Protein backbone atom coordinates (compact mmCIF):
# COMPACT_ATOMS: atom_id res chain seq x y z
CA MET A 1 -43.15 -48.06 -4.97
CA ALA A 2 -40.69 -50.89 -4.33
CA THR A 3 -40.32 -52.68 -1.00
CA PHE A 4 -38.49 -55.77 0.21
CA LEU A 5 -41.74 -57.65 -0.46
CA ASP A 6 -41.05 -57.43 -4.19
CA ASP A 7 -37.93 -59.56 -3.69
CA LEU A 8 -39.50 -62.31 -1.58
CA PRO A 9 -39.32 -65.74 -3.21
CA PRO A 10 -42.55 -67.62 -3.90
CA ILE A 11 -44.16 -69.21 -0.85
CA ASP A 12 -45.03 -72.90 -0.89
CA TRP A 13 -47.90 -73.31 1.57
CA SER A 14 -47.89 -77.10 1.12
CA ASP A 15 -44.83 -77.02 3.41
CA LEU A 16 -46.55 -75.24 6.30
CA MET A 17 -43.51 -75.15 8.59
CA ALA A 18 -41.36 -73.48 5.94
CA ALA A 19 -44.18 -71.14 4.92
CA SER A 20 -44.74 -70.22 8.57
CA ALA A 21 -41.10 -69.27 9.09
CA GLN A 22 -40.93 -67.32 5.83
CA THR A 23 -44.17 -65.39 6.29
CA GLN A 24 -43.79 -64.62 9.98
CA SER A 25 -40.31 -63.27 9.30
CA ALA A 26 -41.66 -61.05 6.51
CA LEU A 27 -44.53 -59.80 8.69
CA ARG A 28 -42.20 -58.92 11.56
CA ARG A 29 -39.91 -57.06 9.20
CA LEU A 30 -42.82 -55.13 7.71
CA GLY A 31 -44.39 -54.38 11.10
CA ALA A 32 -41.11 -52.95 12.35
CA ASP A 33 -40.61 -50.79 9.23
CA LYS A 34 -43.14 -48.01 9.85
CA LYS A 35 -42.04 -46.09 6.76
CA ALA A 36 -42.61 -49.04 4.42
CA LEU A 37 -45.91 -49.92 6.07
CA ARG A 38 -47.05 -46.32 5.88
CA GLU A 39 -46.24 -46.14 2.18
CA LEU A 40 -48.16 -49.35 1.49
CA VAL A 41 -51.20 -48.17 3.46
CA TYR A 42 -51.23 -44.75 1.80
CA ALA A 43 -50.87 -46.30 -1.67
CA VAL A 44 -54.18 -48.13 -1.29
CA GLU A 45 -56.15 -44.91 -1.80
CA THR A 46 -54.70 -44.45 -5.28
CA THR A 47 -54.56 -48.13 -6.28
CA PRO A 48 -58.06 -49.14 -7.46
CA ARG A 49 -57.37 -52.90 -7.57
CA LEU A 50 -56.34 -52.86 -3.89
CA LEU A 51 -59.07 -50.48 -2.75
CA ALA A 52 -61.64 -52.76 -4.41
CA LYS A 53 -60.44 -55.65 -2.23
CA CYS A 54 -60.82 -53.72 1.04
CA GLU A 55 -63.87 -54.86 2.98
CA LYS A 56 -66.05 -53.81 5.90
CA HIS A 57 -67.67 -56.48 8.07
CA ALA A 58 -69.44 -56.71 11.42
CA LEU A 59 -66.53 -58.17 13.40
CA ASP A 60 -63.60 -56.72 11.50
CA ASP A 61 -62.53 -54.72 8.48
CA LYS A 62 -59.68 -55.47 6.11
CA ILE A 63 -57.36 -53.28 4.09
CA VAL A 64 -55.38 -55.11 1.40
CA ILE A 65 -51.95 -53.52 1.05
CA TYR A 66 -50.09 -56.00 -1.16
CA ASP A 67 -51.36 -58.61 -3.58
CA ASP A 68 -49.27 -61.17 -5.44
CA LEU A 69 -51.01 -64.53 -5.15
CA GLU A 70 -49.01 -65.75 -8.16
CA ARG A 71 -46.02 -65.76 -5.79
CA GLY A 72 -48.18 -67.23 -3.08
CA PHE A 73 -49.21 -64.35 -0.85
CA ARG A 74 -51.47 -61.39 -0.21
CA ILE A 75 -51.02 -59.03 2.75
CA ARG A 76 -53.79 -57.22 4.53
CA LEU A 77 -54.50 -55.41 7.76
CA ARG A 78 -57.17 -56.92 10.00
CA LEU A 79 -58.96 -54.23 11.99
CA ALA A 80 -61.22 -55.37 14.82
CA THR A 81 -64.50 -53.60 15.51
CA SER A 82 -66.37 -53.53 18.82
CA ASP A 83 -68.86 -56.18 17.62
CA GLN A 84 -67.19 -59.46 18.60
CA HIS A 85 -68.86 -62.89 18.74
CA GLU A 86 -67.65 -66.46 19.03
CA ARG A 87 -67.65 -67.77 15.47
CA ALA A 88 -65.92 -71.11 15.07
CA HIS A 89 -64.80 -71.13 11.45
CA GLN A 90 -62.28 -72.20 8.86
CA HIS A 91 -60.54 -70.20 6.14
CA ARG A 92 -60.24 -70.97 2.46
CA PHE A 93 -56.49 -70.45 2.72
CA SER A 94 -53.63 -70.89 5.14
CA PHE A 95 -52.20 -67.70 6.62
CA SER A 96 -49.86 -66.09 9.14
CA THR A 97 -50.71 -63.24 11.50
CA LEU A 98 -48.68 -60.66 13.41
CA ILE A 99 -50.59 -58.62 16.02
CA LEU A 100 -49.47 -54.99 15.91
CA ARG A 101 -51.82 -53.61 18.55
CA GLY A 102 -54.37 -54.98 21.00
CA MET A 103 -55.20 -58.56 21.93
CA TYR A 104 -56.66 -61.68 20.35
CA HIS A 105 -58.71 -64.03 22.52
CA GLN A 106 -58.38 -67.15 20.43
CA ALA A 107 -59.90 -70.62 20.53
CA TRP A 108 -59.15 -73.77 18.54
CA TYR A 109 -61.82 -76.44 18.09
CA TYR A 110 -62.22 -80.07 17.13
CA THR A 111 -65.05 -82.08 15.60
CA ASP A 112 -65.20 -85.33 13.67
CA GLN A 113 -68.23 -84.16 11.71
CA VAL A 114 -68.38 -83.34 8.04
CA LEU A 115 -68.32 -79.55 7.88
CA ASP A 116 -71.35 -78.92 5.71
CA GLU A 117 -74.77 -77.31 6.10
CA ASN A 118 -75.90 -80.07 8.49
CA VAL A 119 -73.11 -79.70 11.04
CA ASP A 120 -74.09 -79.67 14.73
CA VAL A 121 -72.51 -76.46 15.97
CA ALA A 122 -72.80 -77.57 19.61
CA ALA A 123 -70.57 -80.56 18.81
CA ILE A 124 -67.69 -78.32 17.65
CA LYS A 125 -65.73 -78.36 20.91
CA PRO A 126 -62.92 -76.01 21.99
CA VAL A 127 -59.63 -77.79 22.68
CA CYS A 128 -57.34 -74.80 23.28
CA LEU A 129 -57.96 -71.28 24.54
CA ARG A 130 -55.28 -68.61 24.70
CA ASP A 131 -54.71 -64.87 24.61
CA GLU A 132 -52.43 -63.48 21.91
CA PRO A 133 -51.04 -60.02 22.81
CA ALA A 134 -49.39 -57.47 20.54
CA GLY A 135 -46.15 -58.91 19.17
CA SER A 136 -47.55 -62.43 18.87
CA ALA A 137 -47.31 -64.21 15.53
CA PHE A 138 -48.81 -67.52 14.46
CA THR A 139 -49.72 -69.53 11.37
CA ILE A 140 -53.03 -71.35 10.77
CA HIS A 141 -53.71 -74.11 8.24
CA HIS A 142 -56.88 -73.75 6.21
CA ASN A 143 -58.38 -76.91 7.75
CA VAL A 144 -58.07 -75.64 11.33
CA ILE A 145 -61.30 -74.59 13.07
CA HIS A 146 -60.76 -71.52 15.24
CA ALA A 147 -62.36 -68.34 16.51
CA THR A 148 -60.81 -64.97 17.21
CA MET A 149 -62.45 -62.47 19.49
CA ALA A 150 -60.32 -59.34 19.55
CA ASP A 151 -60.25 -56.27 21.72
CA HIS A 152 -61.69 -53.20 20.00
CA ASP A 153 -59.23 -51.59 17.58
CA THR A 154 -56.91 -54.60 17.64
CA ILE A 155 -54.83 -54.27 14.48
CA SER A 156 -52.87 -57.09 12.88
CA LEU A 157 -51.02 -57.91 9.68
CA ILE A 158 -52.10 -61.04 7.82
CA MET A 159 -50.13 -62.77 5.07
CA ARG A 160 -52.34 -65.34 3.34
CA GLY A 161 -51.80 -67.90 0.65
CA PRO A 162 -53.90 -68.79 -2.40
CA ALA A 163 -57.31 -70.34 -1.82
CA ALA A 164 -57.15 -74.06 -1.11
CA LYS A 165 -60.93 -74.57 -1.32
CA ASP A 166 -63.95 -72.78 -2.76
CA ARG A 167 -65.73 -72.09 0.50
CA ALA A 168 -65.08 -72.03 4.24
CA ILE A 169 -67.58 -72.73 6.99
CA ILE A 170 -68.57 -70.17 9.62
CA THR A 171 -70.69 -71.01 12.66
CA HIS A 172 -72.21 -68.86 15.36
CA LYS A 173 -71.82 -70.62 18.69
CA GLU A 174 -74.68 -68.84 20.48
CA THR A 175 -77.37 -69.37 17.84
CA GLY A 176 -76.13 -72.49 16.05
CA ARG A 177 -76.29 -70.70 12.71
CA VAL A 178 -74.13 -72.08 9.87
CA TRP A 179 -73.07 -70.30 6.68
CA PHE A 180 -70.14 -70.17 4.28
CA ARG A 181 -67.66 -67.59 3.06
CA TYR A 182 -66.76 -67.66 -0.64
CA GLY A 183 -64.00 -66.03 -2.62
CA GLU A 184 -64.53 -62.79 -4.48
CA LYS A 185 -64.92 -64.53 -7.84
CA ASP A 186 -67.87 -66.55 -6.51
CA GLU A 187 -69.68 -63.69 -4.79
CA SER A 188 -72.63 -61.86 -6.27
CA GLU A 189 -72.41 -58.24 -7.31
CA GLU A 190 -74.85 -57.43 -4.50
CA ARG A 191 -72.56 -59.10 -1.95
CA ARG A 192 -69.49 -57.26 -3.27
CA LYS A 193 -71.26 -53.91 -2.98
CA LYS A 194 -72.40 -54.75 0.54
CA VAL A 195 -68.95 -55.58 1.90
CA GLN A 196 -66.77 -53.17 -0.07
CA MET A 197 -65.12 -50.70 2.26
CA PRO A 198 -66.10 -47.04 1.71
CA LEU A 199 -63.20 -44.65 1.24
CA GLU A 200 -64.27 -42.86 4.43
CA THR A 201 -63.81 -46.03 6.47
CA TYR A 202 -60.37 -46.61 4.97
CA LEU A 203 -59.38 -43.05 5.90
CA GLU A 204 -60.69 -43.50 9.45
CA TRP A 205 -58.56 -46.60 9.94
CA ARG A 206 -55.54 -44.93 8.36
CA ASN A 207 -55.87 -42.04 10.80
CA LYS A 208 -56.20 -44.47 13.70
CA MET A 209 -53.05 -46.32 12.66
CA GLU A 210 -51.19 -43.03 12.54
CA GLY A 211 -52.57 -42.06 15.94
CA TYR A 212 -51.45 -45.38 17.41
CA GLY A 213 -47.96 -44.90 15.98
CA LEU A 214 -48.11 -47.97 13.75
CA ILE A 215 -47.35 -46.11 10.51
């Protein structure tokens, strides 16, 4: 199955402004092309390497629909559950997002601390709060600290770059808990089994996307 994504030039995330323009344009084109998006989503079921990358988490699920990190990008759907908490965190990679349905309630934070196991979560202070409705697109550098609390069944497209670091910090603002997210290659087999999305969950989300008219 060929799409316009196959013809995209490599993305250089070291030039964030250029990468932002390139990736947001691609996401808007894909989000508007329901036929192409539908074909990509349906292909996941019969593409083991993509299905193996789909994950189920407490706050959100993810369905990977396109993977070519050698050219500098992977595309996935972010699917928000009803279990939302304020988790100030970083990512291992820079990425762009296009919200297809729902609403993000987003916060950006600042701290001058070293972001390790000894960080004082209470000293990670919000500096910007804003709502991001459907149709919004934005790009986030991997060093930014942010949190996204989304309305239930908020669905967005994410186009990420290659990992820029081995781990990314996650904090829970209410409890002060600190932990780290690692890439797939550094996760244990037990962790991979725990987060891997069951086929039934993938099918539920696919049906929801059809019901919402997104694919």
